[in-house]
């Protein structure tokens, strides 16, 4: 790790295009309570799900570089879209840093289905990515996978009004094709979506099982951290930064996670 900048204390870095990665951060804080966490929401450039692949790679390298410069020795890409398009570039740029991605868990969703029909809700960029196609081809087997791109959903979640009528109507529209396909399992293929899990469950109905992968991502990051033998930082508050409005991120953290921490602005 000689090419990495010298630091006083190691951190575990996490980034997303916005607030969605907070669901992963919450799991990390539960599993690694003595690890200093550093979260960046690239809100000024969100949503990644509507961006071209080259742009997503450029922003991921920029934000990942900032986290590593600030002491991240394990990096979590808490964004399905960034994982799908940029994790290869990140690993090539920093081969000495363990980088944990977040991608739709097709395999566990297939295992959960009783009727052989599953749905995947994700951003348009994730659905269109080669990585997603590879996951389906590798793990779906005889199970039918109904992919539902969800344009506009991340933007509504980012606004912070998770009980709005506009959100309810969009969910009804997005879930209707999956209900017509009679899926019994739906995978939330974006880290933003667990923030509205209750609303999604209500729209889909109790007969549909909802899955997310935040716990698995946090477990993998914990294994990578422990394997490096890095020092702990008891009672360390998460460092929260955003390229957007710091007040908005602080309010979201306090309302959605019930954490008393404030965010600061970042220009990169």
Protein backbone atom coordinates (compact mmCIF):
# COMPACT_ATOMS: atom_id res chain seq x y z
CA UNK A 1 0.00 0.00 0.00
CA UNK A 2 2.98 2.25 -0.43
CA UNK A 3 1.33 4.26 -3.18
CA UNK A 4 -1.50 5.36 -0.89
CA UNK A 5 -1.26 8.70 0.92
CA UNK A 6 -0.16 8.58 4.55
CA UNK A 7 -2.95 9.00 7.10
CA UNK A 8 -3.35 9.37 10.86
CA UNK A 9 -6.33 6.99 11.13
CA UNK A 10 -7.90 4.64 8.58
CA UNK A 11 -11.50 5.04 7.46
CA UNK A 12 -14.00 2.95 5.57
CA UNK A 13 -15.20 5.00 2.61
CA UNK A 14 -18.70 4.77 1.15
CA UNK A 15 -20.22 6.67 -1.76
CA UNK A 16 -23.40 6.92 -3.77
CA UNK A 17 -24.93 9.41 -6.17
CA UNK A 18 -27.16 10.61 -3.32
CA UNK A 19 -28.90 9.40 -0.17
CA UNK A 20 -29.46 5.79 -1.27
CA UNK A 21 -26.12 4.61 0.08
CA UNK A 22 -27.23 5.62 3.56
CA UNK A 23 -29.01 2.27 3.74
CA UNK A 24 -25.61 0.58 3.33
CA UNK A 25 -24.01 3.03 5.78
CA UNK A 26 -26.63 2.12 8.38
CA UNK A 27 -25.76 -1.57 8.03
CA UNK A 28 -22.04 -0.82 8.23
CA UNK A 29 -22.46 1.17 11.42
CA UNK A 30 -24.37 -1.73 12.97
CA UNK A 31 -21.80 -4.34 11.94
CA UNK A 32 -18.66 -2.21 12.48
CA UNK A 33 -19.50 0.16 15.35
CA UNK A 34 -15.84 0.94 16.07
CA UNK A 35 -14.86 1.76 12.48
CA UNK A 36 -14.65 5.37 11.31
CA UNK A 37 -17.00 5.75 8.35
CA UNK A 38 -16.75 8.41 5.63
CA UNK A 39 -19.76 8.87 3.33
CA UNK A 40 -19.96 11.01 0.20
CA UNK A 41 -23.24 11.73 -1.58
CA UNK A 42 -22.48 13.00 -5.08
CA UNK A 43 -25.82 14.77 -5.17
CA UNK A 44 -24.73 17.57 -7.48
CA UNK A 45 -24.22 14.97 -10.20
CA UNK A 46 -27.18 12.72 -9.41
CA UNK A 47 -28.91 10.64 -10.49
CA UNK A 48 -26.29 8.30 -11.93
CA UNK A 49 -29.07 6.08 -13.24
CA UNK A 50 -29.81 8.47 -16.11
CA UNK A 51 -26.16 9.17 -17.00
CA UNK A 52 -23.93 7.70 -19.68
CA UNK A 53 -21.39 5.06 -18.62
CA UNK A 54 -18.35 7.31 -19.23
CA UNK A 55 -19.79 10.00 -16.98
CA UNK A 56 -20.51 7.49 -14.20
CA UNK A 57 -16.94 6.18 -14.41
CA UNK A 58 -15.51 9.71 -14.30
CA UNK A 59 -17.50 10.69 -11.22
CA UNK A 60 -16.80 7.39 -9.46
CA UNK A 61 -13.06 7.82 -9.92
CA UNK A 62 -13.27 11.41 -8.69
CA UNK A 63 -15.26 10.58 -5.56
CA UNK A 64 -13.32 7.37 -4.88
CA UNK A 65 -10.06 9.28 -5.15
CA UNK A 66 -11.26 11.84 -2.63
CA UNK A 67 -12.22 9.15 -0.13
CA UNK A 68 -8.88 7.38 -0.49
CA UNK A 69 -6.97 10.64 -0.10
CA UNK A 70 -8.91 11.24 3.13
CA UNK A 71 -7.95 7.86 4.58
CA UNK A 72 -10.32 5.24 3.17
CA UNK A 73 -8.56 1.87 3.16
CA UNK A 74 -11.67 -0.09 2.20
CA UNK A 75 -14.09 1.42 -0.31
CA UNK A 76 -17.77 0.55 -0.68
CA UNK A 77 -19.54 1.54 -3.89
CA UNK A 78 -23.00 1.86 -2.33
CA UNK A 79 -24.66 2.39 -5.69
CA UNK A 80 -25.85 -0.31 -8.05
CA UNK A 81 -25.41 1.90 -11.11
CA UNK A 82 -21.84 2.91 -10.22
CA UNK A 83 -20.99 -0.72 -9.47
CA UNK A 84 -22.39 -1.85 -12.80
CA UNK A 85 -20.37 0.66 -14.81
CA UNK A 86 -17.37 1.76 -12.77
CA UNK A 87 -16.16 -0.85 -10.31
CA UNK A 88 -13.73 -2.30 -12.85
CA UNK A 89 -12.15 1.13 -13.40
CA UNK A 90 -11.95 1.72 -9.65
CA UNK A 91 -10.21 -1.60 -9.02
CA UNK A 92 -7.79 -0.96 -11.85
CA UNK A 93 -6.92 2.49 -10.50
CA UNK A 94 -6.45 1.34 -6.86
CA UNK A 95 -5.59 -2.38 -6.92
CA UNK A 96 -4.25 -2.17 -3.35
CA UNK A 97 -7.61 -1.04 -1.92
CA UNK A 98 -10.37 -3.63 -1.34
CA UNK A 99 -13.43 -2.30 -3.20
CA UNK A 100 -16.83 -3.76 -2.43
CA UNK A 101 -19.62 -3.26 -4.94
CA UNK A 102 -23.39 -3.27 -4.69
CA UNK A 103 -25.27 -5.15 -7.36
CA UNK A 104 -28.67 -6.79 -7.77
CA UNK A 105 -28.74 -10.09 -5.91
CA UNK A 106 -30.22 -12.21 -8.69
CA UNK A 107 -29.01 -15.46 -7.13
CA UNK A 108 -30.77 -15.03 -3.73
CA UNK A 109 -33.91 -13.73 -5.47
CA UNK A 110 -34.02 -16.82 -7.68
CA UNK A 111 -33.59 -19.01 -4.61
CA UNK A 112 -36.53 -17.29 -2.87
CA UNK A 113 -39.05 -17.65 -5.71
CA UNK A 114 -41.62 -20.42 -5.43
CA UNK A 115 -43.31 -19.82 -8.79
CA UNK A 116 -40.23 -19.22 -10.94
CA UNK A 117 -40.95 -15.55 -11.71
CA UNK A 118 -39.03 -12.68 -10.10
CA UNK A 119 -38.99 -8.95 -10.63
CA UNK A 120 -36.04 -6.58 -10.46
CA UNK A 121 -36.58 -2.87 -9.90
CA UNK A 122 -33.53 -0.75 -10.73
CA UNK A 123 -32.37 2.41 -12.46
CA UNK A 124 -32.43 2.51 -16.27
CA UNK A 125 -28.60 2.48 -16.34
CA UNK A 126 -28.39 -0.63 -14.16
CA UNK A 127 -30.99 -2.49 -16.22
CA UNK A 128 -29.13 -1.57 -19.42
CA UNK A 129 -25.68 -2.55 -18.14
CA UNK A 130 -23.71 -5.56 -19.34
CA UNK A 131 -23.02 -6.48 -15.71
CA UNK A 132 -26.74 -6.85 -15.00
CA UNK A 133 -27.22 -8.97 -18.13
CA UNK A 134 -24.33 -11.19 -17.01
CA UNK A 135 -25.87 -11.66 -13.54
CA UNK A 136 -29.18 -12.71 -15.05
CA UNK A 137 -27.53 -15.09 -17.49
CA UNK A 138 -25.35 -16.60 -14.76
CA UNK A 139 -27.92 -17.04 -12.00
CA UNK A 140 -31.48 -17.02 -13.39
CA UNK A 141 -31.50 -20.56 -14.77
CA UNK A 142 -35.09 -21.53 -15.53
CA UNK A 143 -36.53 -18.65 -13.51
CA UNK A 144 -38.09 -15.81 -15.51
CA UNK A 145 -36.69 -12.39 -14.66
CA UNK A 146 -38.89 -9.34 -15.29
CA UNK A 147 -36.73 -6.22 -15.29
CA UNK A 148 -38.46 -2.96 -14.39
CA UNK A 149 -36.51 0.23 -15.05
CA UNK A 150 -37.62 2.97 -12.67
CA UNK A 151 -36.93 6.42 -14.17
CA UNK A 152 -37.79 9.24 -11.79
CA UNK A 153 -37.94 7.13 -8.63
CA UNK A 154 -34.52 8.07 -7.27
CA UNK A 155 -35.26 11.75 -7.84
CA UNK A 156 -38.48 11.57 -5.80
CA UNK A 157 -36.72 9.74 -2.97
CA UNK A 158 -33.95 12.36 -2.97
CA UNK A 159 -36.55 15.07 -2.35
CA UNK A 160 -37.16 13.53 1.06
CA UNK A 161 -40.98 13.49 0.99
CA UNK A 162 -41.44 9.75 1.18
CA UNK A 163 -45.22 9.96 1.72
CA UNK A 164 -46.07 12.14 -1.27
CA UNK A 165 -48.96 11.40 -3.61
CA UNK A 166 -46.57 11.76 -6.55
CA UNK A 167 -44.41 8.95 -5.17
CA UNK A 168 -47.44 6.76 -4.55
CA UNK A 169 -48.65 7.18 -8.13
CA UNK A 170 -45.23 6.45 -9.61
CA UNK A 171 -44.89 3.28 -7.52
CA UNK A 172 -48.30 2.08 -8.71
CA UNK A 173 -47.22 2.66 -12.32
CA UNK A 174 -43.85 0.91 -11.91
CA UNK A 175 -45.21 -2.06 -9.98
CA UNK A 176 -48.14 -2.78 -12.29
CA UNK A 177 -46.10 -4.73 -14.91
CA UNK A 178 -44.62 -6.89 -12.15
CA UNK A 179 -48.04 -7.60 -10.70
CA UNK A 180 -49.34 -8.51 -14.16
CA UNK A 181 -46.37 -10.89 -14.54
CA UNK A 182 -47.44 -12.54 -11.25
CA UNK A 183 -43.98 -12.45 -9.71
CA UNK A 184 -43.70 -13.63 -6.12
CA UNK A 185 -40.32 -12.01 -5.38
CA UNK A 186 -39.08 -8.52 -6.18
CA UNK A 187 -35.47 -7.45 -5.80
CA UNK A 188 -34.76 -3.83 -4.95
CA UNK A 189 -31.84 -3.23 -7.30
CA UNK A 190 -30.98 0.25 -6.07
CA UNK A 191 -29.83 1.26 -2.59
CA UNK A 192 -32.35 4.13 -2.59
CA UNK A 193 -35.32 1.79 -2.70
CA UNK A 194 -35.13 0.32 0.84
CA UNK A 195 -35.85 3.87 2.06
CA UNK A 196 -39.37 3.33 0.68
CA UNK A 197 -39.63 -0.38 1.39
CA UNK A 198 -42.89 0.01 3.30
CA UNK A 199 -44.49 1.91 0.42
CA UNK A 200 -43.24 -0.64 -2.11
CA UNK A 201 -44.57 -3.53 -0.04
CA UNK A 202 -47.96 -1.87 0.22
CA UNK A 203 -48.08 -1.35 -3.55
CA UNK A 204 -47.00 -4.89 -4.43
CA UNK A 205 -49.05 -6.59 -1.75
CA UNK A 206 -48.19 -8.98 1.06
CA UNK A 207 -47.94 -11.94 -1.33
CA UNK A 208 -44.74 -10.51 -2.87
CA UNK A 209 -41.45 -10.88 -1.00
CA UNK A 210 -39.13 -7.86 -1.17
CA UNK A 211 -35.36 -8.37 -1.07
CA UNK A 212 -32.41 -6.03 -0.63
CA UNK A 213 -28.69 -6.68 -0.29
CA UNK A 214 -27.43 -4.04 2.14
CA UNK A 215 -26.60 -6.58 4.87
CA UNK A 216 -24.57 -8.75 2.49
CA UNK A 217 -22.61 -5.72 1.26
CA UNK A 218 -21.83 -4.64 4.81
CA UNK A 219 -20.75 -8.16 5.76
CA UNK A 220 -18.33 -8.29 2.82
CA UNK A 221 -16.91 -4.88 3.73
CA UNK A 222 -16.49 -6.01 7.33
CA UNK A 223 -14.57 -9.10 6.21
CA UNK A 224 -12.27 -6.96 4.06
CA UNK A 225 -11.63 -4.51 6.92
CA UNK A 226 -10.90 -7.25 9.43
CA UNK A 227 -8.60 -9.05 6.98
CA UNK A 228 -6.44 -5.91 6.76
CA UNK A 229 -6.08 -5.76 10.56
CA UNK A 230 -6.85 -2.04 10.61
CA UNK A 231 -7.17 -0.11 13.86
CA UNK A 232 -10.53 0.77 15.35
CA UNK A 233 -11.82 4.18 16.37
CA UNK A 234 -14.31 3.76 19.24
CA UNK A 235 -17.26 6.18 19.25
CA UNK A 236 -16.23 7.75 15.93
CA UNK A 237 -19.08 9.67 14.34
CA UNK A 238 -19.55 9.10 10.60
CA UNK A 239 -18.08 11.83 8.41
CA UNK A 240 -20.84 12.87 6.01
CA UNK A 241 -20.16 14.96 2.91
CA UNK A 242 -22.17 15.94 -0.13
CA UNK A 243 -21.50 17.75 -3.39
CA UNK A 244 -25.05 19.08 -3.06
CA UNK A 245 -26.75 20.91 -0.19
CA UNK A 246 -25.33 19.89 3.18
CA UNK A 247 -28.48 20.93 5.01
CA UNK A 248 -30.61 18.61 2.88
CA UNK A 249 -28.36 15.61 3.57
CA UNK A 250 -28.26 16.41 7.29
CA UNK A 251 -32.05 16.60 7.41
CA UNK A 252 -32.39 13.29 5.56
CA UNK A 253 -29.91 11.53 7.87
CA UNK A 254 -31.74 12.79 10.94
CA UNK A 255 -35.22 11.93 9.64
CA UNK A 256 -34.60 8.65 7.81
CA UNK A 257 -31.91 7.14 10.07
CA UNK A 258 -32.62 9.02 13.29
CA UNK A 259 -28.94 9.94 13.53
CA UNK A 260 -27.90 13.25 15.15
CA UNK A 261 -25.04 13.83 12.68
CA UNK A 262 -24.65 16.77 10.32
CA UNK A 263 -23.16 16.82 6.83
CA UNK A 264 -20.76 19.25 5.23
CA UNK A 265 -20.42 20.46 1.66
CA UNK A 266 -17.80 19.20 -0.76
CA UNK A 267 -16.58 20.50 -4.11
CA UNK A 268 -14.89 17.87 -6.28
